[in-house]
């Protein structure tokens, strides 16, 4: 009798978990209708293709976000898609079991050299300048000037007083 009860309890628990699974399409619909909503014409929305289960979501080789859930869908919301590097963006984690979500603000887009993020909604697509191999660049190098110097000041990703990633300044001067 105990074995039958235990088997039935296990069956009903697993059936409940399977039925409460948030699908990819449900997650997309929720993000687009509830989070992005009226901003759809001014933001880009991308997402990981597959359900994620890692303890950390890797943004770049040197940066990650602690995952708030065991199994989750993750979306990247580019709040300023016309900006190239450091700017306002959000990462949306949706718990695949309950539909609960967390919004984490950030200042850098994820680095994906293989462009593995799936486009959900794109309000702006950056123009691509194709490389034309037929163009020959035969410019001579300028003559060397030992009295010309360049200095680069960089506050890094976490500069005080300004948005991260935008703190690089170049200053060149001539030594007489």
N, C-alpha and C. Protein backbone atom coordinates (compact mmCIF):
# COMPACT_ATOMS: atom_id res chain seq x y z
N UNK A 1 0.83 -1.19 0.00
CA UNK A 1 0.00 0.00 0.00
C UNK A 1 0.88 1.26 0.00
N UNK A 2 1.95 1.21 0.80
CA UNK A 2 2.85 2.36 0.88
C UNK A 2 3.53 2.61 -0.46
N UNK A 3 3.94 1.53 -1.15
CA UNK A 3 4.59 1.64 -2.44
C UNK A 3 3.65 2.25 -3.49
N UNK A 4 2.40 1.83 -3.47
CA UNK A 4 1.43 2.37 -4.41
C UNK A 4 1.23 3.86 -4.15
N UNK A 5 1.11 4.23 -2.87
CA UNK A 5 0.94 5.64 -2.52
C UNK A 5 2.15 6.45 -2.96
N UNK A 6 3.33 5.96 -2.70
CA UNK A 6 4.57 6.65 -3.07
C UNK A 6 4.69 6.79 -4.60
N UNK A 7 4.34 5.76 -5.33
CA UNK A 7 4.38 5.79 -6.80
C UNK A 7 3.39 6.82 -7.34
N UNK A 8 2.17 6.83 -6.79
CA UNK A 8 1.16 7.79 -7.23
C UNK A 8 1.59 9.22 -6.90
N UNK A 9 2.17 9.43 -5.72
CA UNK A 9 2.64 10.75 -5.33
C UNK A 9 3.73 11.23 -6.28
N UNK A 10 4.66 10.36 -6.61
CA UNK A 10 5.73 10.69 -7.54
C UNK A 10 5.17 11.01 -8.93
N UNK A 11 4.21 10.20 -9.38
CA UNK A 11 3.59 10.43 -10.69
C UNK A 11 2.89 11.78 -10.74
N UNK A 12 2.07 12.10 -9.73
CA UNK A 12 1.33 13.36 -9.73
C UNK A 12 2.26 14.56 -9.59
N UNK A 13 3.33 14.41 -8.83
CA UNK A 13 4.30 15.50 -8.69
C UNK A 13 5.00 15.78 -10.00
N UNK A 14 5.44 14.73 -10.68
CA UNK A 14 6.13 14.93 -11.96
C UNK A 14 5.15 15.45 -13.02
N UNK A 15 3.92 15.01 -13.00
CA UNK A 15 2.92 15.50 -13.95
C UNK A 15 2.64 16.98 -13.72
N UNK A 16 2.59 17.40 -12.46
CA UNK A 16 2.35 18.80 -12.13
C UNK A 16 3.52 19.66 -12.60
N UNK A 17 4.74 19.19 -12.39
CA UNK A 17 5.92 19.94 -12.83
C UNK A 17 5.93 20.07 -14.34
N UNK A 18 5.62 19.01 -15.05
CA UNK A 18 5.62 19.05 -16.51
C UNK A 18 4.54 19.99 -17.05
N UNK A 19 3.39 20.00 -16.41
CA UNK A 19 2.30 20.84 -16.88
C UNK A 19 2.56 22.31 -16.59
N UNK A 20 3.35 22.62 -15.56
CA UNK A 20 3.58 24.02 -15.22
C UNK A 20 4.81 24.59 -15.93
N UNK A 21 5.41 23.84 -16.83
CA UNK A 21 6.58 24.30 -17.56
C UNK A 21 6.20 25.46 -18.49
N UNK A 22 6.93 26.58 -18.40
CA UNK A 22 6.70 27.73 -19.27
C UNK A 22 7.42 27.46 -20.58
N UNK A 23 6.69 27.49 -21.67
CA UNK A 23 7.30 27.23 -22.98
C UNK A 23 8.03 28.47 -23.48
N UNK A 24 8.83 28.27 -24.48
CA UNK A 24 9.57 29.38 -25.09
C UNK A 24 8.61 30.44 -25.62
N UNK A 25 7.55 30.00 -26.31
CA UNK A 25 6.58 30.95 -26.87
C UNK A 25 5.85 31.70 -25.77
N UNK A 26 5.51 31.04 -24.67
CA UNK A 26 4.85 31.73 -23.55
C UNK A 26 5.77 32.79 -22.96
N UNK A 27 7.07 32.47 -22.85
CA UNK A 27 8.04 33.42 -22.32
C UNK A 27 8.15 34.64 -23.25
N UNK A 28 8.22 34.40 -24.55
CA UNK A 28 8.30 35.50 -25.53
C UNK A 28 7.06 36.38 -25.43
N UNK A 29 5.90 35.77 -25.40
CA UNK A 29 4.65 36.53 -25.33
C UNK A 29 4.61 37.37 -24.06
N UNK A 30 5.02 36.79 -22.92
CA UNK A 30 5.02 37.53 -21.66
C UNK A 30 5.96 38.74 -21.73
N UNK A 31 7.18 38.53 -22.22
CA UNK A 31 8.14 39.63 -22.29
C UNK A 31 7.65 40.73 -23.22
N UNK A 32 7.15 40.36 -24.38
CA UNK A 32 6.71 41.36 -25.35
C UNK A 32 5.46 42.11 -24.87
N UNK A 33 4.52 41.41 -24.23
CA UNK A 33 3.26 42.04 -23.80
C UNK A 33 3.37 42.76 -22.46
N UNK A 34 4.15 42.22 -21.53
CA UNK A 34 4.17 42.76 -20.18
C UNK A 34 5.39 43.62 -19.85
N UNK A 35 6.52 43.32 -20.44
CA UNK A 35 7.74 44.06 -20.08
C UNK A 35 8.10 45.08 -21.14
N UNK A 36 8.17 44.67 -22.39
CA UNK A 36 8.53 45.59 -23.47
C UNK A 36 7.34 46.48 -23.81
N UNK A 37 6.19 45.90 -24.00
CA UNK A 37 4.90 46.58 -24.26
C UNK A 37 5.02 47.76 -25.23
N UNK A 38 4.87 48.98 -24.72
CA UNK A 38 4.83 50.16 -25.58
C UNK A 38 6.20 50.64 -26.04
N UNK A 39 7.28 49.99 -25.63
CA UNK A 39 8.63 50.36 -26.06
C UNK A 39 9.09 49.56 -27.29
N UNK A 40 8.23 48.74 -27.83
CA UNK A 40 8.62 47.82 -28.90
C UNK A 40 9.24 48.53 -30.11
N UNK A 41 8.88 49.78 -30.34
CA UNK A 41 9.42 50.51 -31.49
C UNK A 41 10.77 51.16 -31.21
N UNK A 42 11.27 51.06 -29.97
CA UNK A 42 12.52 51.74 -29.65
C UNK A 42 13.58 50.83 -29.02
N UNK A 43 13.28 49.55 -28.82
CA UNK A 43 14.25 48.64 -28.20
C UNK A 43 14.43 47.40 -29.08
N UNK A 44 15.55 46.73 -28.88
CA UNK A 44 15.78 45.44 -29.52
C UNK A 44 15.64 44.36 -28.45
N UNK A 45 14.99 43.26 -28.79
CA UNK A 45 14.79 42.15 -27.87
C UNK A 45 15.40 40.90 -28.49
N UNK A 46 16.32 40.30 -27.76
CA UNK A 46 16.95 39.05 -28.19
C UNK A 46 16.85 38.06 -27.04
N UNK A 47 17.01 36.77 -27.36
CA UNK A 47 16.94 35.76 -26.30
C UNK A 47 17.86 34.59 -26.62
N UNK A 48 18.20 33.84 -25.59
CA UNK A 48 18.93 32.59 -25.80
C UNK A 48 17.98 31.61 -26.46
N UNK A 49 18.49 30.84 -27.39
CA UNK A 49 17.67 29.90 -28.15
C UNK A 49 17.13 28.79 -27.26
N UNK A 50 17.94 28.30 -26.35
CA UNK A 50 17.57 27.15 -25.51
C UNK A 50 17.34 27.56 -24.07
N UNK A 51 16.61 26.73 -23.36
CA UNK A 51 16.39 26.88 -21.93
C UNK A 51 17.74 26.80 -21.22
N UNK A 52 17.99 27.69 -20.29
CA UNK A 52 19.27 27.75 -19.58
C UNK A 52 19.14 27.11 -18.19
N UNK A 53 20.22 26.47 -17.74
CA UNK A 53 20.20 25.84 -16.42
C UNK A 53 21.47 26.13 -15.62
N UNK A 54 22.33 26.97 -16.10
CA UNK A 54 23.57 27.27 -15.40
C UNK A 54 23.34 28.15 -14.19
N UNK A 55 24.23 28.04 -13.21
CA UNK A 55 24.16 28.88 -12.01
C UNK A 55 24.49 30.32 -12.33
N UNK A 56 25.26 30.51 -13.39
CA UNK A 56 25.63 31.84 -13.85
C UNK A 56 25.35 31.94 -15.34
N UNK A 57 24.89 33.11 -15.76
CA UNK A 57 24.73 33.36 -17.19
C UNK A 57 25.95 34.17 -17.62
N UNK A 58 26.74 33.61 -18.52
CA UNK A 58 27.98 34.24 -18.97
C UNK A 58 27.66 35.32 -19.99
N UNK A 59 28.01 36.56 -19.66
CA UNK A 59 27.80 37.69 -20.56
C UNK A 59 28.97 37.85 -21.52
N UNK A 60 30.16 37.79 -20.95
CA UNK A 60 31.42 37.94 -21.66
C UNK A 60 32.44 37.06 -20.98
N UNK A 61 33.57 36.84 -21.58
CA UNK A 61 34.57 35.98 -20.92
C UNK A 61 34.97 36.44 -19.52
N UNK A 62 34.80 37.70 -19.20
CA UNK A 62 35.20 38.24 -17.91
C UNK A 62 34.03 38.68 -17.03
N UNK A 63 32.80 38.41 -17.44
CA UNK A 63 31.64 38.92 -16.71
C UNK A 63 30.48 37.94 -16.79
N UNK A 64 29.73 37.83 -15.69
CA UNK A 64 28.56 36.95 -15.66
C UNK A 64 27.53 37.51 -14.68
N UNK A 65 26.33 36.95 -14.72
CA UNK A 65 25.25 37.31 -13.80
C UNK A 65 24.83 36.03 -13.09
N UNK A 66 24.70 36.09 -11.77
CA UNK A 66 24.21 34.94 -11.01
C UNK A 66 22.75 34.68 -11.40
N UNK A 67 22.47 33.47 -11.80
CA UNK A 67 21.11 33.12 -12.23
C UNK A 67 20.19 33.00 -11.01
N UNK A 68 19.05 33.68 -11.03
CA UNK A 68 18.15 33.62 -9.88
C UNK A 68 17.29 32.35 -9.83
N UNK A 69 17.31 31.55 -10.89
CA UNK A 69 16.47 30.35 -10.94
C UNK A 69 17.29 29.15 -11.40
N UNK A 70 16.78 27.97 -11.15
CA UNK A 70 17.46 26.74 -11.56
C UNK A 70 17.36 26.54 -13.07
N UNK A 71 16.20 26.80 -13.63
CA UNK A 71 15.94 26.63 -15.06
C UNK A 71 15.21 27.88 -15.54
N UNK A 72 15.72 28.52 -16.61
CA UNK A 72 15.18 29.82 -16.97
C UNK A 72 15.36 30.11 -18.46
N UNK A 73 14.47 30.99 -18.94
CA UNK A 73 14.62 31.60 -20.25
C UNK A 73 15.28 32.94 -20.00
N UNK A 74 16.19 33.36 -20.87
CA UNK A 74 16.82 34.66 -20.66
C UNK A 74 16.69 35.51 -21.92
N UNK A 75 16.35 36.79 -21.67
CA UNK A 75 16.18 37.77 -22.73
C UNK A 75 17.15 38.91 -22.51
N UNK A 76 17.63 39.48 -23.59
CA UNK A 76 18.45 40.68 -23.55
C UNK A 76 17.62 41.80 -24.18
N UNK A 77 17.41 42.87 -23.42
CA UNK A 77 16.67 44.02 -23.92
C UNK A 77 17.66 45.16 -24.11
N UNK A 78 17.90 45.54 -25.36
CA UNK A 78 18.79 46.64 -25.67
C UNK A 78 17.95 47.91 -25.67
N UNK A 79 18.09 48.71 -24.61
CA UNK A 79 17.26 49.90 -24.45
C UNK A 79 17.70 51.05 -25.35
N UNK A 80 18.92 51.00 -25.85
CA UNK A 80 19.44 52.04 -26.74
C UNK A 80 20.19 51.38 -27.89
N UNK A 81 19.46 50.76 -28.82
CA UNK A 81 20.11 49.95 -29.85
C UNK A 81 21.00 50.72 -30.82
N UNK A 82 20.90 52.04 -30.87
CA UNK A 82 21.75 52.81 -31.77
C UNK A 82 23.12 53.10 -31.16
N UNK A 83 23.28 52.82 -29.87
CA UNK A 83 24.56 53.03 -29.21
C UNK A 83 25.42 51.79 -29.42
N UNK A 84 26.70 51.99 -29.56
CA UNK A 84 27.57 50.87 -29.90
C UNK A 84 28.07 50.08 -28.69
N UNK A 85 28.51 50.72 -27.62
CA UNK A 85 29.18 49.96 -26.57
C UNK A 85 28.44 50.08 -25.25
N UNK A 86 28.91 50.84 -24.31
CA UNK A 86 28.28 50.93 -23.00
C UNK A 86 27.04 51.78 -23.01
N UNK A 87 25.91 51.20 -22.67
CA UNK A 87 24.65 51.93 -22.60
C UNK A 87 23.64 51.08 -21.83
N UNK A 88 22.50 51.67 -21.54
CA UNK A 88 21.48 50.99 -20.73
C UNK A 88 20.91 49.76 -21.44
N UNK A 89 20.86 48.66 -20.70
CA UNK A 89 20.24 47.44 -21.20
C UNK A 89 19.75 46.62 -20.00
N UNK A 90 18.95 45.62 -20.29
CA UNK A 90 18.39 44.77 -19.22
C UNK A 90 18.48 43.31 -19.62
N UNK A 91 18.61 42.48 -18.62
CA UNK A 91 18.55 41.03 -18.80
C UNK A 91 17.33 40.55 -18.03
N UNK A 92 16.45 39.82 -18.70
CA UNK A 92 15.23 39.32 -18.09
C UNK A 92 15.38 37.81 -17.92
N UNK A 93 15.27 37.34 -16.69
CA UNK A 93 15.30 35.91 -16.38
C UNK A 93 13.86 35.50 -16.09
N UNK A 94 13.36 34.48 -16.78
CA UNK A 94 12.02 33.96 -16.52
C UNK A 94 12.14 32.53 -16.04
N UNK A 95 11.65 32.29 -14.82
CA UNK A 95 11.67 30.96 -14.24
C UNK A 95 10.79 30.05 -15.10
N UNK A 96 11.38 28.98 -15.62
CA UNK A 96 10.63 28.11 -16.54
C UNK A 96 9.60 27.25 -15.82
N UNK A 97 9.68 27.17 -14.51
CA UNK A 97 8.70 26.37 -13.76
C UNK A 97 7.50 27.18 -13.32
N UNK A 98 7.74 28.42 -12.86
CA UNK A 98 6.64 29.19 -12.27
C UNK A 98 6.23 30.42 -13.08
N UNK A 99 7.09 30.89 -14.00
CA UNK A 99 6.80 32.10 -14.73
C UNK A 99 7.25 33.35 -14.00
N UNK A 100 7.77 33.19 -12.79
CA UNK A 100 8.31 34.32 -12.03
C UNK A 100 9.47 34.92 -12.84
N UNK A 101 9.69 36.23 -12.71
CA UNK A 101 10.77 36.83 -13.49
C UNK A 101 11.58 37.81 -12.67
N UNK A 102 12.80 38.05 -13.13
CA UNK A 102 13.71 39.03 -12.53
C UNK A 102 14.28 39.88 -13.65
N UNK A 103 14.36 41.19 -13.40
CA UNK A 103 14.96 42.12 -14.35
C UNK A 103 16.26 42.62 -13.74
N UNK A 104 17.35 42.44 -14.47
CA UNK A 104 18.65 42.88 -14.01
C UNK A 104 19.17 43.93 -14.97
N UNK A 105 19.38 45.15 -14.47
CA UNK A 105 19.90 46.24 -15.29
C UNK A 105 21.40 46.07 -15.45
N UNK A 106 21.90 46.45 -16.62
CA UNK A 106 23.31 46.34 -16.91
C UNK A 106 23.68 47.47 -17.85
N UNK A 107 24.93 47.50 -18.25
CA UNK A 107 25.39 48.56 -19.14
C UNK A 107 26.12 48.05 -20.37
N UNK A 108 26.23 46.73 -20.53
CA UNK A 108 26.91 46.18 -21.69
C UNK A 108 26.09 45.03 -22.29
N UNK A 109 26.06 44.96 -23.60
CA UNK A 109 25.38 43.82 -24.24
C UNK A 109 26.21 42.55 -24.07
N UNK A 110 25.60 41.40 -24.22
CA UNK A 110 26.37 40.16 -24.13
C UNK A 110 27.32 40.04 -25.32
N UNK A 111 28.47 39.44 -25.09
CA UNK A 111 29.44 39.24 -26.16
C UNK A 111 29.24 37.84 -26.71
N UNK A 112 28.75 37.74 -27.93
CA UNK A 112 28.54 36.46 -28.61
C UNK A 112 29.16 36.53 -29.99
N UNK A 113 30.41 36.07 -30.15
CA UNK A 113 31.05 36.16 -31.46
C UNK A 113 30.31 35.36 -32.54
N UNK A 114 29.55 34.36 -32.13
CA UNK A 114 28.82 33.55 -33.11
C UNK A 114 27.39 34.04 -33.35
N UNK A 115 27.03 35.18 -32.75
CA UNK A 115 25.68 35.74 -32.89
C UNK A 115 24.60 34.70 -32.59
N UNK A 116 24.77 33.98 -31.49
CA UNK A 116 23.87 32.88 -31.16
C UNK A 116 22.54 33.32 -30.53
N UNK A 117 22.38 34.59 -30.22
CA UNK A 117 21.12 35.04 -29.66
C UNK A 117 20.07 35.15 -30.76
N UNK A 118 18.87 34.72 -30.43
CA UNK A 118 17.75 34.76 -31.39
C UNK A 118 17.07 36.13 -31.34
N UNK A 119 16.81 36.71 -32.48
CA UNK A 119 16.12 37.99 -32.55
C UNK A 119 14.63 37.77 -32.32
N UNK A 120 14.09 38.47 -31.32
CA UNK A 120 12.66 38.40 -31.04
C UNK A 120 11.96 39.60 -31.65
N UNK A 121 12.51 40.78 -31.42
CA UNK A 121 11.95 42.02 -31.97
C UNK A 121 13.10 43.00 -32.16
N UNK A 122 13.23 43.53 -33.37
CA UNK A 122 14.33 44.45 -33.67
C UNK A 122 13.76 45.78 -34.16
N UNK A 123 13.99 46.84 -33.39
CA UNK A 123 13.55 48.17 -33.83
C UNK A 123 14.64 48.85 -34.64
N UNK A 124 15.88 48.44 -34.43
CA UNK A 124 17.01 49.06 -35.14
C UNK A 124 18.06 47.99 -35.41
N UNK A 125 18.48 47.89 -36.64
CA UNK A 125 19.54 46.97 -37.01
C UNK A 125 20.70 47.81 -37.52
N UNK A 126 21.85 47.68 -36.87
CA UNK A 126 23.02 48.47 -37.23
C UNK A 126 23.45 48.15 -38.65
N UNK A 127 23.79 49.19 -39.41
CA UNK A 127 24.26 48.94 -40.78
C UNK A 127 25.60 48.22 -40.78
N UNK A 128 25.79 47.36 -41.75
CA UNK A 128 27.03 46.61 -41.88
C UNK A 128 27.77 47.14 -43.10
N UNK A 129 29.02 47.47 -42.92
CA UNK A 129 29.84 47.94 -44.03
C UNK A 129 30.60 46.75 -44.59
N UNK A 130 30.23 46.29 -45.77
CA UNK A 130 30.92 45.14 -46.33
C UNK A 130 32.35 45.51 -46.74
N UNK A 131 33.24 44.56 -46.61
CA UNK A 131 34.63 44.76 -47.01
C UNK A 131 34.75 44.38 -48.47
N UNK A 132 35.26 45.30 -49.26
CA UNK A 132 35.43 45.06 -50.69
C UNK A 132 36.89 44.72 -50.95
N UNK A 133 37.20 43.44 -51.21
CA UNK A 133 38.61 43.05 -51.41
C UNK A 133 39.22 43.62 -52.67
N UNK A 134 38.40 44.16 -53.58
CA UNK A 134 38.95 44.70 -54.82
C UNK A 134 39.59 46.08 -54.62
N UNK A 135 39.28 46.73 -53.50
CA UNK A 135 39.84 48.05 -53.23
C UNK A 135 41.27 47.88 -52.73
N UNK A 136 42.19 48.55 -53.39
CA UNK A 136 43.59 48.50 -52.99
C UNK A 136 43.92 49.71 -52.13
N UNK A 137 44.51 49.46 -50.99
CA UNK A 137 44.92 50.54 -50.09
C UNK A 137 46.44 50.65 -50.17
N UNK A 138 46.90 51.58 -50.98
CA UNK A 138 48.34 51.75 -51.17
C UNK A 138 48.83 53.07 -50.58
N UNK A 139 48.28 53.45 -49.44
CA UNK A 139 48.73 54.68 -48.81
C UNK A 139 50.08 54.45 -48.14
N UNK A 140 51.02 55.35 -48.38
CA UNK A 140 52.31 55.20 -47.70
C UNK A 140 52.17 55.59 -46.23
N UNK A 141 52.97 54.98 -45.38
CA UNK A 141 52.98 55.35 -43.97
C UNK A 141 53.60 56.74 -43.84
N UNK A 142 53.08 57.54 -42.92
CA UNK A 142 53.68 58.87 -42.74
C UNK A 142 55.09 58.74 -42.16
N UNK A 143 55.88 59.76 -42.38
CA UNK A 143 57.23 59.73 -41.84
C UNK A 143 57.15 59.78 -40.32
N UNK A 144 58.12 59.17 -39.69
CA UNK A 144 58.14 59.07 -38.23
C UNK A 144 58.44 60.43 -37.62
N UNK A 145 57.66 60.82 -36.61
CA UNK A 145 57.86 62.09 -35.90
C UNK A 145 58.13 61.78 -34.44
N UNK A 146 59.36 61.97 -34.01
CA UNK A 146 59.75 61.66 -32.62
C UNK A 146 59.25 62.70 -31.63
N UNK A 147 58.61 63.76 -32.10
CA UNK A 147 58.11 64.81 -31.21
C UNK A 147 56.59 64.77 -31.10
N UNK A 148 55.96 63.73 -31.57
CA UNK A 148 54.51 63.59 -31.51
C UNK A 148 54.17 62.45 -30.55
N UNK A 149 53.30 62.73 -29.59
CA UNK A 149 52.96 61.75 -28.57
C UNK A 149 51.44 61.60 -28.49
N UNK A 150 51.01 60.49 -27.97
CA UNK A 150 49.58 60.27 -27.73
C UNK A 150 49.41 59.65 -26.36
N UNK A 151 48.41 60.07 -25.65
CA UNK A 151 48.10 59.53 -24.33
C UNK A 151 46.64 59.09 -24.34
N UNK A 152 46.36 57.93 -23.76
CA UNK A 152 44.99 57.47 -23.64
C UNK A 152 44.64 57.37 -22.17
N UNK A 153 43.58 58.06 -21.78
CA UNK A 153 43.07 57.97 -20.43
C UNK A 153 41.84 57.07 -20.46
N UNK A 154 41.78 56.10 -19.58
CA UNK A 154 40.63 55.22 -19.57
C UNK A 154 40.21 54.96 -18.13
N UNK A 155 38.91 55.12 -17.89
CA UNK A 155 38.37 54.82 -16.57
C UNK A 155 37.92 53.38 -16.47
N UNK A 156 38.07 52.62 -17.53
CA UNK A 156 37.65 51.22 -17.52
C UNK A 156 36.15 51.10 -17.58
N UNK A 157 35.66 49.92 -17.22
CA UNK A 157 34.22 49.68 -17.27
C UNK A 157 33.46 50.32 -16.12
N UNK A 158 34.14 50.68 -15.06
CA UNK A 158 33.45 51.21 -13.89
C UNK A 158 33.98 52.59 -13.51
N UNK A 159 33.95 53.50 -14.47
CA UNK A 159 34.44 54.85 -14.23
C UNK A 159 33.49 55.60 -13.30
N UNK A 160 34.06 56.37 -12.41
CA UNK A 160 33.24 57.15 -11.48
C UNK A 160 32.70 58.38 -12.20
N UNK A 161 31.43 58.67 -12.00
CA UNK A 161 30.83 59.87 -12.53
C UNK A 161 30.26 59.73 -13.93
N UNK A 162 30.27 58.58 -14.50
CA UNK A 162 29.72 58.43 -15.84
C UNK A 162 29.34 56.99 -16.09
N UNK A 163 28.66 56.76 -17.19
CA UNK A 163 28.26 55.39 -17.49
C UNK A 163 29.47 54.52 -17.81
N UNK A 164 29.50 53.31 -17.32
CA UNK A 164 30.62 52.42 -17.59
C UNK A 164 30.82 52.20 -19.09
N UNK A 165 32.06 52.01 -19.47
CA UNK A 165 32.37 51.71 -20.85
C UNK A 165 32.53 52.95 -21.72
N UNK A 166 32.19 54.14 -21.20
CA UNK A 166 32.27 55.35 -22.01
C UNK A 166 33.35 56.30 -21.49
N UNK A 167 34.33 55.80 -20.79
CA UNK A 167 35.29 56.67 -20.12
C UNK A 167 36.62 56.81 -20.83
N UNK A 168 36.73 56.37 -22.05
CA UNK A 168 38.01 56.48 -22.74
C UNK A 168 38.10 57.81 -23.47
N UNK A 169 39.19 58.49 -23.24
CA UNK A 169 39.43 59.77 -23.90
C UNK A 169 40.81 59.73 -24.52
N UNK A 170 40.93 60.29 -25.69
CA UNK A 170 42.21 60.34 -26.37
C UNK A 170 42.67 61.79 -26.43
N UNK A 171 43.91 61.99 -26.14
CA UNK A 171 44.46 63.33 -26.19
C UNK A 171 45.84 63.26 -26.83
N UNK A 172 46.00 63.92 -27.91
CA UNK A 172 47.30 63.92 -28.57
C UNK A 172 47.86 65.33 -28.52
N UNK A 173 49.13 65.42 -28.31
CA UNK A 173 49.76 66.72 -28.29
C UNK A 173 51.14 66.62 -28.93
N UNK A 174 51.61 67.76 -29.33
CA UNK A 174 52.92 67.83 -29.98
C UNK A 174 53.92 68.43 -29.03
N UNK A 175 55.06 67.79 -28.89
CA UNK A 175 56.13 68.28 -28.04
C UNK A 175 57.07 69.14 -28.89
N UNK A 176 57.25 70.32 -28.48
CA UNK A 176 58.08 71.23 -29.26
C UNK A 176 59.50 71.21 -28.79
